[in-house]
């Protein structure tokens, strides 16, 4: 009896650990591959800003979106992200201004100012795509964010491929593991709540 209980407890402990390891490997592996292909637009997922400047994390995402535009893979860039607490400007507005200063035509930038989460970023971007007749997109974010973002985009009916920023600010093992821990949480949150 005791042996059966211990065996059952062992299984109940080991199975979740195995699941987390498998999921972690899938998220990590997916983020190492660039799936970029010629598309109508790039969707740059929002991140923090400091006044009129993008945070270092957001700046690298913006720069990668600009690179996709400059190499001709996309004709438009959609910048996402609303106003964070205490911010006077939306993340997307700061990003678009940065891109225009870097040589992107203002007419080729689109912004939304309402989203606060990845799912909202994508939903608002899809509305912009529909309004402008854009049918395909390249998602731009940090490598470990790509798997969940692509999943959400698919659920929204967005025809999108992923292109992780090659200059992510999450470079050390410590910062990558911290990001991965957050992704595991948000992955399960989305899986169970749909939000």
N, C-alpha and C. Protein backbone atom coordinates (compact mmCIF):
# COMPACT_ATOMS: atom_id res chain seq x y z
N UNK A 1 0.83 -1.21 0.00
CA UNK A 1 0.00 0.00 0.00
C UNK A 1 0.87 1.26 0.00
N UNK A 2 1.84 1.33 0.94
CA UNK A 2 2.72 2.49 1.03
C UNK A 2 3.54 2.61 -0.25
N UNK A 3 4.01 1.46 -0.76
CA UNK A 3 4.81 1.48 -1.99
C UNK A 3 3.99 2.04 -3.16
N UNK A 4 2.72 1.66 -3.24
CA UNK A 4 1.84 2.16 -4.31
C UNK A 4 1.63 3.66 -4.20
N UNK A 5 1.41 4.14 -2.96
CA UNK A 5 1.22 5.57 -2.73
C UNK A 5 2.48 6.35 -3.12
N UNK A 6 3.65 5.83 -2.72
CA UNK A 6 4.91 6.50 -3.05
C UNK A 6 5.15 6.52 -4.55
N UNK A 7 4.81 5.41 -5.20
CA UNK A 7 4.98 5.34 -6.65
C UNK A 7 4.08 6.36 -7.34
N UNK A 8 2.83 6.44 -6.87
CA UNK A 8 1.88 7.39 -7.44
C UNK A 8 2.37 8.82 -7.22
N UNK A 9 2.85 9.11 -6.01
CA UNK A 9 3.37 10.44 -5.72
C UNK A 9 4.58 10.76 -6.60
N UNK A 10 5.42 9.77 -6.79
CA UNK A 10 6.60 9.95 -7.65
C UNK A 10 6.19 10.31 -9.07
N UNK A 11 5.19 9.61 -9.58
CA UNK A 11 4.70 9.89 -10.94
C UNK A 11 4.11 11.29 -11.01
N UNK A 12 3.34 11.66 -9.97
CA UNK A 12 2.71 12.98 -9.96
C UNK A 12 3.74 14.11 -9.88
N UNK A 13 4.90 13.82 -9.33
CA UNK A 13 5.96 14.83 -9.26
C UNK A 13 6.78 14.85 -10.55
N UNK A 14 7.11 13.66 -11.06
CA UNK A 14 7.98 13.56 -12.23
C UNK A 14 7.30 14.04 -13.51
N UNK A 15 6.03 13.67 -13.71
CA UNK A 15 5.35 14.03 -14.96
C UNK A 15 5.32 15.54 -15.21
N UNK A 16 4.94 16.37 -14.22
CA UNK A 16 4.98 17.82 -14.46
C UNK A 16 6.38 18.33 -14.77
N UNK A 17 7.39 17.76 -14.12
CA UNK A 17 8.77 18.19 -14.38
C UNK A 17 9.18 17.85 -15.81
N UNK A 18 8.81 16.65 -16.25
CA UNK A 18 9.12 16.23 -17.62
C UNK A 18 8.40 17.16 -18.60
N UNK A 19 7.13 17.47 -18.32
CA UNK A 19 6.36 18.37 -19.18
C UNK A 19 7.05 19.73 -19.29
N UNK A 20 7.48 20.29 -18.16
CA UNK A 20 8.12 21.60 -18.17
C UNK A 20 9.44 21.57 -18.94
N UNK A 21 10.17 20.48 -18.82
CA UNK A 21 11.42 20.35 -19.57
C UNK A 21 11.18 20.26 -21.07
N UNK A 22 10.18 19.47 -21.46
CA UNK A 22 9.85 19.32 -22.88
C UNK A 22 9.37 20.65 -23.45
N UNK A 23 8.49 21.33 -22.73
CA UNK A 23 7.97 22.62 -23.19
C UNK A 23 9.08 23.66 -23.27
N UNK A 24 9.95 23.68 -22.26
CA UNK A 24 11.08 24.62 -22.26
C UNK A 24 11.97 24.40 -23.48
N UNK A 25 12.24 23.12 -23.78
CA UNK A 25 13.08 22.80 -24.94
C UNK A 25 12.40 23.25 -26.24
N UNK A 26 11.08 23.07 -26.32
CA UNK A 26 10.35 23.47 -27.53
C UNK A 26 10.38 24.98 -27.72
N UNK A 27 10.18 25.73 -26.63
CA UNK A 27 10.20 27.19 -26.69
C UNK A 27 11.59 27.68 -27.08
N UNK A 28 12.60 27.11 -26.45
CA UNK A 28 13.99 27.49 -26.70
C UNK A 28 14.37 27.20 -28.14
N UNK A 29 14.07 25.98 -28.59
CA UNK A 29 14.42 25.56 -29.94
C UNK A 29 13.72 26.41 -31.00
N UNK A 30 12.44 26.67 -30.80
CA UNK A 30 11.69 27.46 -31.77
C UNK A 30 12.30 28.84 -31.95
N UNK A 31 12.74 29.42 -30.85
CA UNK A 31 13.31 30.76 -30.91
C UNK A 31 14.67 30.86 -31.56
N UNK A 32 15.29 29.72 -31.83
CA UNK A 32 16.60 29.74 -32.49
C UNK A 32 16.49 29.77 -34.00
N UNK A 33 15.27 29.62 -34.53
CA UNK A 33 15.08 29.53 -35.98
C UNK A 33 14.36 30.78 -36.51
N UNK A 34 14.87 31.30 -37.60
CA UNK A 34 14.27 32.45 -38.26
C UNK A 34 13.43 31.94 -39.43
N UNK A 35 12.14 32.18 -39.39
CA UNK A 35 11.22 31.69 -40.42
C UNK A 35 10.81 32.79 -41.40
N UNK A 36 11.53 33.91 -41.40
CA UNK A 36 11.15 35.05 -42.22
C UNK A 36 11.05 34.69 -43.70
N UNK A 37 9.99 35.17 -44.31
CA UNK A 37 9.80 35.04 -45.75
C UNK A 37 9.07 36.29 -46.22
N UNK A 38 9.13 36.56 -47.51
CA UNK A 38 8.52 37.78 -48.03
C UNK A 38 7.06 37.85 -47.60
N UNK A 39 6.70 38.95 -46.95
CA UNK A 39 5.36 39.13 -46.40
C UNK A 39 4.92 40.58 -46.61
N UNK A 40 3.65 40.82 -46.39
CA UNK A 40 3.12 42.18 -46.57
C UNK A 40 3.64 43.15 -45.51
N UNK A 41 3.84 42.65 -44.30
CA UNK A 41 4.26 43.55 -43.23
C UNK A 41 5.02 42.80 -42.15
N UNK A 42 5.69 43.56 -41.31
CA UNK A 42 6.28 43.04 -40.07
C UNK A 42 5.44 43.56 -38.92
N UNK A 43 5.22 42.73 -37.92
CA UNK A 43 4.54 43.16 -36.70
C UNK A 43 5.58 43.14 -35.58
N UNK A 44 5.93 44.31 -35.10
CA UNK A 44 6.91 44.41 -34.01
C UNK A 44 6.15 44.46 -32.70
N UNK A 45 6.34 43.45 -31.89
CA UNK A 45 5.61 43.37 -30.62
C UNK A 45 6.19 44.36 -29.61
N UNK A 46 5.30 45.00 -28.89
CA UNK A 46 5.67 46.09 -28.00
C UNK A 46 6.49 45.66 -26.79
N UNK A 47 7.17 46.64 -26.22
CA UNK A 47 7.93 46.47 -24.98
C UNK A 47 8.04 47.86 -24.35
N UNK A 48 8.71 47.95 -23.25
CA UNK A 48 8.75 49.19 -22.48
C UNK A 48 9.43 50.33 -23.23
N UNK A 49 9.03 51.53 -22.85
CA UNK A 49 9.69 52.75 -23.33
C UNK A 49 10.08 53.59 -22.12
N UNK A 50 11.05 54.48 -22.33
CA UNK A 50 11.47 55.42 -21.30
C UNK A 50 11.27 56.83 -21.86
N UNK A 51 10.11 57.40 -21.64
CA UNK A 51 9.81 58.72 -22.20
C UNK A 51 9.67 58.63 -23.71
N UNK A 52 10.60 59.23 -24.43
CA UNK A 52 10.59 59.21 -25.89
C UNK A 52 11.56 58.19 -26.46
N UNK A 53 12.11 57.34 -25.61
CA UNK A 53 13.09 56.35 -26.07
C UNK A 53 12.57 54.94 -25.82
N UNK A 54 12.82 54.03 -26.76
CA UNK A 54 12.47 52.64 -26.50
C UNK A 54 13.47 52.04 -25.50
N UNK A 55 13.01 51.11 -24.71
CA UNK A 55 13.92 50.38 -23.83
C UNK A 55 14.92 49.61 -24.70
N UNK A 56 16.05 49.20 -24.16
CA UNK A 56 17.00 48.42 -24.97
C UNK A 56 16.38 47.18 -25.61
N UNK A 57 15.49 46.50 -24.89
CA UNK A 57 14.81 45.33 -25.45
C UNK A 57 13.95 45.72 -26.64
N UNK A 58 13.16 46.77 -26.48
CA UNK A 58 12.28 47.22 -27.56
C UNK A 58 13.09 47.75 -28.74
N UNK A 59 14.18 48.44 -28.45
CA UNK A 59 15.01 48.99 -29.52
C UNK A 59 15.52 47.89 -30.45
N UNK A 60 15.92 46.77 -29.89
CA UNK A 60 16.42 45.68 -30.73
C UNK A 60 15.30 45.09 -31.59
N UNK A 61 14.09 45.03 -31.06
CA UNK A 61 12.96 44.56 -31.86
C UNK A 61 12.68 45.53 -33.01
N UNK A 62 12.70 46.81 -32.70
CA UNK A 62 12.46 47.84 -33.71
C UNK A 62 13.52 47.75 -34.80
N UNK A 63 14.77 47.65 -34.40
CA UNK A 63 15.87 47.58 -35.36
C UNK A 63 15.72 46.37 -36.28
N UNK A 64 15.26 45.26 -35.74
CA UNK A 64 15.09 44.07 -36.57
C UNK A 64 13.94 44.27 -37.56
N UNK A 65 12.85 44.90 -37.11
CA UNK A 65 11.76 45.22 -38.03
C UNK A 65 12.23 46.12 -39.16
N UNK A 66 13.06 47.11 -38.82
CA UNK A 66 13.62 48.01 -39.84
C UNK A 66 14.48 47.23 -40.82
N UNK A 67 15.27 46.29 -40.32
CA UNK A 67 16.13 45.49 -41.20
C UNK A 67 15.30 44.67 -42.18
N UNK A 68 14.20 44.11 -41.72
CA UNK A 68 13.32 43.34 -42.61
C UNK A 68 12.75 44.25 -43.70
N UNK A 69 12.43 45.47 -43.34
CA UNK A 69 11.91 46.46 -44.28
C UNK A 69 13.00 46.86 -45.29
N UNK A 70 14.18 47.13 -44.78
CA UNK A 70 15.27 47.60 -45.65
C UNK A 70 15.75 46.53 -46.63
N UNK A 71 15.61 45.28 -46.26
CA UNK A 71 16.02 44.19 -47.17
C UNK A 71 14.90 43.79 -48.12
N UNK A 72 13.75 44.44 -48.00
CA UNK A 72 12.65 44.19 -48.94
C UNK A 72 11.77 43.01 -48.60
N UNK A 73 11.94 42.44 -47.41
CA UNK A 73 11.09 41.31 -47.03
C UNK A 73 9.67 41.76 -46.69
N UNK A 74 9.53 43.01 -46.24
CA UNK A 74 8.21 43.57 -45.94
C UNK A 74 8.11 44.97 -46.51
N UNK A 75 6.87 45.38 -46.80
CA UNK A 75 6.64 46.72 -47.34
C UNK A 75 6.12 47.69 -46.27
N UNK A 76 5.61 47.15 -45.18
CA UNK A 76 5.07 47.96 -44.09
C UNK A 76 5.55 47.39 -42.76
N UNK A 77 5.57 48.24 -41.74
CA UNK A 77 5.87 47.77 -40.38
C UNK A 77 4.74 48.23 -39.47
N UNK A 78 4.17 47.29 -38.76
CA UNK A 78 3.16 47.60 -37.75
C UNK A 78 3.84 47.58 -36.38
N UNK A 79 3.79 48.72 -35.71
CA UNK A 79 4.35 48.81 -34.36
C UNK A 79 3.21 48.72 -33.36
N UNK A 80 3.38 47.89 -32.35
CA UNK A 80 2.31 47.67 -31.38
C UNK A 80 2.74 48.15 -29.99
N UNK A 81 1.74 48.35 -29.15
CA UNK A 81 1.99 48.74 -27.77
C UNK A 81 1.34 50.07 -27.43
N UNK A 82 0.52 50.05 -26.41
CA UNK A 82 -0.17 51.25 -25.95
C UNK A 82 0.63 52.01 -24.94
N UNK A 83 -0.05 52.80 -24.14
CA UNK A 83 0.60 53.61 -23.10
C UNK A 83 0.72 52.79 -21.81
N UNK A 84 1.93 52.66 -21.32
CA UNK A 84 2.14 52.01 -20.05
C UNK A 84 1.82 52.98 -18.91
N UNK A 85 1.80 52.48 -17.70
CA UNK A 85 1.52 53.32 -16.54
C UNK A 85 2.52 54.45 -16.43
N UNK A 86 2.02 55.67 -16.41
CA UNK A 86 2.90 56.83 -16.29
C UNK A 86 3.47 57.33 -17.59
N UNK A 87 3.26 56.60 -18.70
CA UNK A 87 3.79 57.04 -19.99
C UNK A 87 2.84 58.04 -20.65
N UNK A 88 3.41 59.03 -21.29
CA UNK A 88 2.60 60.00 -22.03
C UNK A 88 2.40 59.58 -23.48
N UNK A 89 3.32 58.79 -24.00
CA UNK A 89 3.23 58.33 -25.38
C UNK A 89 3.07 56.81 -25.40
N UNK A 90 2.47 56.33 -26.48
CA UNK A 90 2.32 54.89 -26.66
C UNK A 90 3.65 54.29 -27.13
N UNK A 91 3.88 53.05 -26.75
CA UNK A 91 5.09 52.33 -27.18
C UNK A 91 5.19 52.37 -28.70
N UNK A 92 4.06 52.14 -29.37
CA UNK A 92 4.06 52.08 -30.83
C UNK A 92 4.46 53.42 -31.47
N UNK A 93 4.06 54.52 -30.86
CA UNK A 93 4.40 55.84 -31.39
C UNK A 93 5.90 56.11 -31.28
N UNK A 94 6.47 55.74 -30.16
CA UNK A 94 7.91 55.89 -29.96
C UNK A 94 8.66 55.03 -30.97
N UNK A 95 8.18 53.82 -31.19
CA UNK A 95 8.83 52.91 -32.14
C UNK A 95 8.75 53.44 -33.56
N UNK A 96 7.58 53.93 -33.96
CA UNK A 96 7.42 54.45 -35.32
C UNK A 96 8.32 55.66 -35.55
N UNK A 97 8.41 56.54 -34.56
CA UNK A 97 9.29 57.71 -34.69
C UNK A 97 10.74 57.28 -34.86
N UNK A 98 11.14 56.26 -34.11
CA UNK A 98 12.50 55.72 -34.21
C UNK A 98 12.74 55.20 -35.63
N UNK A 99 11.77 54.46 -36.16
CA UNK A 99 11.91 53.87 -37.49
C UNK A 99 12.00 54.95 -38.57
N UNK A 100 11.19 55.99 -38.44
CA UNK A 100 11.21 57.07 -39.43
C UNK A 100 12.57 57.77 -39.40
N UNK A 101 13.11 57.98 -38.21
CA UNK A 101 14.45 58.59 -38.10
C UNK A 101 15.51 57.70 -38.75
N UNK A 102 15.26 56.39 -38.76
CA UNK A 102 16.21 55.44 -39.35
C UNK A 102 16.01 55.26 -40.85
N UNK A 103 15.05 55.99 -41.43
CA UNK A 103 14.90 55.95 -42.87
C UNK A 103 13.67 55.24 -43.40
N UNK A 104 12.81 54.73 -42.51
CA UNK A 104 11.57 54.09 -42.96
C UNK A 104 10.58 55.19 -43.33
N UNK A 105 9.95 55.05 -44.48
CA UNK A 105 8.96 56.05 -44.90
C UNK A 105 7.81 56.08 -43.91
N UNK A 106 7.41 57.27 -43.50
CA UNK A 106 6.34 57.40 -42.52
C UNK A 106 5.07 56.69 -43.00
N UNK A 107 4.82 56.73 -44.31
CA UNK A 107 3.63 56.08 -44.87
C UNK A 107 3.69 54.57 -44.76
N UNK A 108 4.88 54.05 -44.50
CA UNK A 108 5.05 52.59 -44.38
C UNK A 108 5.01 52.11 -42.94
N UNK A 109 4.71 53.01 -42.01
CA UNK A 109 4.57 52.62 -40.60
C UNK A 109 3.11 52.73 -40.19
N UNK A 110 2.67 51.74 -39.44
CA UNK A 110 1.31 51.72 -38.89
C UNK A 110 1.43 51.50 -37.39
N UNK A 111 0.57 52.15 -36.63
CA UNK A 111 0.62 52.00 -35.18
C UNK A 111 -0.77 51.76 -34.60
N UNK A 112 -0.77 51.07 -33.48
CA UNK A 112 -1.98 50.96 -32.66
C UNK A 112 -1.60 51.42 -31.27
N UNK A 113 -2.54 51.97 -30.53
CA UNK A 113 -2.20 52.62 -29.27
C UNK A 113 -2.95 52.05 -28.06
N UNK A 114 -3.56 50.87 -28.22
CA UNK A 114 -4.42 50.38 -27.14
C UNK A 114 -3.89 49.15 -26.40
N UNK A 115 -3.03 48.37 -27.03
CA UNK A 115 -2.68 47.07 -26.46
C UNK A 115 -1.73 47.15 -25.27
N UNK A 116 -1.86 46.17 -24.39
CA UNK A 116 -0.98 46.07 -23.21
C UNK A 116 -0.35 44.69 -23.08
N UNK A 117 -0.86 43.71 -23.83
CA UNK A 117 -0.36 42.34 -23.73
C UNK A 117 -0.03 41.83 -25.13
N UNK A 118 0.66 40.70 -25.20
CA UNK A 118 1.01 40.10 -26.49
C UNK A 118 -0.24 39.80 -27.30
N UNK A 119 -1.24 39.20 -26.67
CA UNK A 119 -2.46 38.87 -27.39
C UNK A 119 -3.14 40.13 -27.92
N UNK A 120 -3.17 41.18 -27.12
CA UNK A 120 -3.74 42.44 -27.58
C UNK A 120 -2.91 43.06 -28.69
N UNK A 121 -1.56 42.99 -28.58
CA UNK A 121 -0.68 43.47 -29.66
C UNK A 121 -1.11 42.85 -30.98
N UNK A 122 -1.28 41.54 -30.97
CA UNK A 122 -1.59 40.80 -32.19
C UNK A 122 -3.00 41.08 -32.69
N UNK A 123 -3.95 41.16 -31.77
CA UNK A 123 -5.34 41.44 -32.17
C UNK A 123 -5.45 42.82 -32.81
N UNK A 124 -4.79 43.81 -32.22
CA UNK A 124 -4.81 45.16 -32.77
C UNK A 124 -4.07 45.22 -34.11
N UNK A 125 -2.97 44.49 -34.21
CA UNK A 125 -2.23 44.43 -35.47
C UNK A 125 -3.08 43.81 -36.57
N UNK A 126 -3.85 42.79 -36.23
CA UNK A 126 -4.71 42.15 -37.23
C UNK A 126 -5.77 43.13 -37.73
N UNK A 127 -6.32 43.94 -36.84
CA UNK A 127 -7.29 44.95 -37.26
C UNK A 127 -6.67 45.92 -38.26
N UNK A 128 -5.43 46.33 -38.00
CA UNK A 128 -4.72 47.21 -38.92
C UNK A 128 -4.46 46.52 -40.25
N UNK A 129 -4.05 45.25 -40.18
CA UNK A 129 -3.82 44.50 -41.42
C UNK A 129 -5.09 44.42 -42.25
N UNK A 130 -6.19 44.09 -41.61
CA UNK A 130 -7.47 43.98 -42.33
C UNK A 130 -7.85 45.32 -42.96
N UNK A 131 -7.65 46.40 -42.22
CA UNK A 131 -8.03 47.72 -42.70
C UNK A 131 -7.18 48.18 -43.88
N UNK A 132 -5.95 47.68 -43.97
CA UNK A 132 -5.03 48.11 -45.02
C UNK A 132 -4.79 47.03 -46.09
N UNK A 133 -5.58 45.97 -46.04
CA UNK A 133 -5.46 44.93 -47.06
C UNK A 133 -4.17 44.14 -46.99
N UNK A 134 -3.59 44.02 -45.81
CA UNK A 134 -2.36 43.25 -45.62
C UNK A 134 -2.71 41.83 -45.22
N UNK A 135 -2.15 40.86 -45.89
CA UNK A 135 -2.58 39.47 -45.66
C UNK A 135 -1.56 38.58 -44.99
N UNK A 136 -0.31 38.98 -44.98
CA UNK A 136 0.73 38.14 -44.37
C UNK A 136 1.68 38.99 -43.55
N UNK A 137 2.26 38.38 -42.53
CA UNK A 137 3.10 39.15 -41.60
C UNK A 137 4.28 38.33 -41.11
N UNK A 138 5.31 39.05 -40.72
CA UNK A 138 6.45 38.48 -40.01
C UNK A 138 6.39 39.02 -38.59
N UNK A 139 6.31 38.14 -37.62
CA UNK A 139 6.30 38.56 -36.21
C UNK A 139 7.72 38.80 -35.73
N UNK A 140 7.93 39.92 -35.06
CA UNK A 140 9.26 40.27 -34.55
C UNK A 140 9.20 40.43 -33.04
N UNK A 141 10.04 39.67 -32.37
CA UNK A 141 10.17 39.79 -30.91
C UNK A 141 11.45 39.08 -30.50
N UNK A 142 11.62 38.89 -29.20
CA UNK A 142 12.78 38.16 -28.70
C UNK A 142 12.60 36.66 -28.93
N UNK A 143 13.70 35.94 -29.08
CA UNK A 143 13.61 34.52 -29.43
C UNK A 143 12.67 33.68 -28.55
N UNK A 144 12.77 33.85 -27.25
CA UNK A 144 11.97 33.01 -26.36
C UNK A 144 10.49 33.41 -26.33
N UNK A 145 10.16 34.51 -26.94
CA UNK A 145 8.77 34.98 -27.03
C UNK A 145 8.06 34.43 -28.26
N UNK A 146 8.83 33.94 -29.23
CA UNK A 146 8.31 33.65 -30.55
C UNK A 146 7.29 32.51 -30.59
N UNK A 147 7.51 31.46 -29.82
CA UNK A 147 6.61 30.30 -29.91
C UNK A 147 5.20 30.67 -29.47
N UNK A 148 5.10 31.36 -28.35
CA UNK A 148 3.77 31.74 -27.84
C UNK A 148 3.12 32.77 -28.75
N UNK A 149 3.90 33.73 -29.24
CA UNK A 149 3.35 34.76 -30.12
C UNK A 149 2.81 34.14 -31.41
N UNK A 150 3.52 33.18 -31.96
CA UNK A 150 3.08 32.51 -33.18
C UNK A 150 1.80 31.72 -32.93
N UNK A 151 1.73 31.07 -31.79
CA UNK A 151 0.52 30.32 -31.40
C UNK A 151 -0.69 31.26 -31.33
N UNK A 152 -0.49 32.39 -30.63
CA UNK A 152 -1.58 33.35 -30.49
C UNK A 152 -2.01 33.91 -31.85
N UNK A 153 -1.03 34.21 -32.69
CA UNK A 153 -1.34 34.74 -34.02
C UNK A 153 -2.18 33.75 -34.81
N UNK A 154 -1.82 32.48 -34.73
CA UNK A 154 -2.61 31.45 -35.42
C UNK A 154 -4.03 31.39 -34.92
N UNK A 155 -4.20 31.51 -33.61
CA UNK A 155 -5.55 31.48 -33.04
C UNK A 155 -6.39 32.68 -33.49
N UNK A 156 -5.73 33.77 -33.83
CA UNK A 156 -6.42 34.97 -34.29
C UNK A 156 -6.68 34.94 -35.81
N UNK A 157 -6.18 33.89 -36.46
CA UNK A 157 -6.35 33.80 -37.90
C UNK A 157 -5.36 34.64 -38.67
N UNK A 158 -4.25 34.97 -38.03
CA UNK A 158 -3.21 35.78 -38.66
C UNK A 158 -2.25 34.88 -39.42
N UNK A 159 -2.05 35.14 -40.69
CA UNK A 159 -1.06 34.39 -41.47
C UNK A 159 0.31 34.99 -41.18
N UNK A 160 1.05 34.36 -40.28
CA UNK A 160 2.30 34.96 -39.82
C UNK A 160 3.40 33.93 -39.62
N UNK A 161 4.62 34.35 -39.91
CA UNK A 161 5.81 33.57 -39.60
C UNK A 161 6.61 34.36 -38.57
N UNK A 162 7.58 33.72 -37.96
CA UNK A 162 8.34 34.39 -36.90
C UNK A 162 9.77 34.70 -37.33
N UNK A 163 10.27 35.82 -36.81
CA UNK A 163 11.66 36.21 -37.05
C UNK A 163 12.20 36.83 -35.77
N UNK A 164 12.85 36.03 -34.94
CA UNK A 164 13.36 36.55 -33.68
C UNK A 164 14.50 37.53 -33.91
N UNK A 165 14.54 38.56 -33.08
CA UNK A 165 15.62 39.53 -33.22
C UNK A 165 16.96 38.87 -32.90
N UNK A 166 17.93 38.97 -33.81
CA UNK A 166 19.22 38.32 -33.57
C UNK A 166 20.08 39.06 -32.55
N UNK A 167 19.66 40.27 -32.18
CA UNK A 167 20.43 41.07 -31.24
C UNK A 167 19.68 41.24 -29.92
N UNK A 168 18.96 40.21 -29.53
CA UNK A 168 18.19 40.27 -28.29
C UNK A 168 19.06 40.73 -27.12
N UNK A 169 18.45 41.46 -26.21
CA UNK A 169 19.18 41.91 -25.02
C UNK A 169 19.29 40.79 -23.98
N UNK A 170 18.52 39.72 -24.20
CA UNK A 170 18.59 38.57 -23.28
C UNK A 170 19.70 37.65 -23.75
N UNK A 171 20.93 37.94 -23.32
CA UNK A 171 22.09 37.22 -23.86
C UNK A 171 22.70 36.24 -22.86
N UNK A 172 22.73 36.61 -21.61
CA UNK A 172 23.34 35.72 -20.63
C UNK A 172 22.38 34.58 -20.30
N UNK A 173 22.94 33.49 -19.82
CA UNK A 173 22.11 32.35 -19.44
C UNK A 173 21.11 32.75 -18.36
N UNK A 174 21.54 33.59 -17.43
CA UNK A 174 20.68 34.03 -16.34
C UNK A 174 19.46 34.77 -16.87
N UNK A 175 19.67 35.73 -17.78
CA UNK A 175 18.54 36.51 -18.30
C UNK A 175 17.65 35.65 -19.19
N UNK A 176 18.26 34.72 -19.94
CA UNK A 176 17.46 33.83 -20.79
C UNK A 176 16.57 32.93 -19.93
N UNK A 177 17.13 32.39 -18.85
CA UNK A 177 16.34 31.51 -17.99
C UNK A 177 15.22 32.28 -17.29
N UNK A 178 15.48 33.53 -16.94
CA UNK A 178 14.42 34.35 -16.33
C UNK A 178 13.30 34.60 -17.34
N UNK A 179 13.66 34.91 -18.58
CA UNK A 179 12.66 35.11 -19.63
C UNK A 179 11.89 33.82 -19.87
N UNK A 180 12.62 32.70 -19.91
CA UNK A 180 11.97 31.40 -20.13
C UNK A 180 10.98 31.09 -19.03
N UNK A 181 11.33 31.40 -17.79
CA UNK A 181 10.42 31.16 -16.67
C UNK A 181 9.12 31.96 -16.86
N UNK A 182 9.24 33.21 -17.29
CA UNK A 182 8.05 34.02 -17.55
C UNK A 182 7.24 33.43 -18.69
N UNK A 183 7.92 32.99 -19.74
CA UNK A 183 7.21 32.41 -20.88
C UNK A 183 6.44 31.15 -20.48
N UNK A 184 7.04 30.32 -19.63
CA UNK A 184 6.34 29.12 -19.17
C UNK A 184 5.06 29.50 -18.44
N UNK A 185 5.13 30.52 -17.61
CA UNK A 185 3.94 30.97 -16.90
C UNK A 185 2.88 31.46 -17.88
N UNK A 186 3.27 32.37 -18.78
CA UNK A 186 2.30 32.96 -19.71
C UNK A 186 1.78 31.94 -20.72
N UNK A 187 2.61 30.97 -21.07
CA UNK A 187 2.17 29.90 -21.97
C UNK A 187 1.00 29.14 -21.33
N UNK A 188 1.16 28.77 -20.06
CA UNK A 188 0.10 28.04 -19.35
C UNK A 188 -1.11 28.94 -19.09
N UNK A 189 -0.86 30.20 -18.79
CA UNK A 189 -1.97 31.14 -18.58
C UNK A 189 -2.83 31.22 -19.83
N UNK A 190 -2.19 31.33 -20.98
CA UNK A 190 -2.93 31.41 -22.24
C UNK A 190 -3.64 30.07 -22.54
N UNK A 191 -2.95 28.98 -22.28
CA UNK A 191 -3.53 27.66 -22.56
C UNK A 191 -4.81 27.42 -21.76
N UNK A 192 -4.83 27.89 -20.51
CA UNK A 192 -5.97 27.60 -19.65
C UNK A 192 -7.03 28.70 -19.62
N UNK A 193 -6.60 29.95 -19.90
CA UNK A 193 -7.57 31.05 -19.82
C UNK A 193 -7.92 31.62 -21.18
N UNK A 194 -7.06 31.35 -22.18
CA UNK A 194 -7.30 31.90 -23.50
C UNK A 194 -7.02 33.38 -23.59
N UNK A 195 -6.37 33.92 -22.56
CA UNK A 195 -6.10 35.36 -22.56
C UNK A 195 -4.71 35.69 -22.11
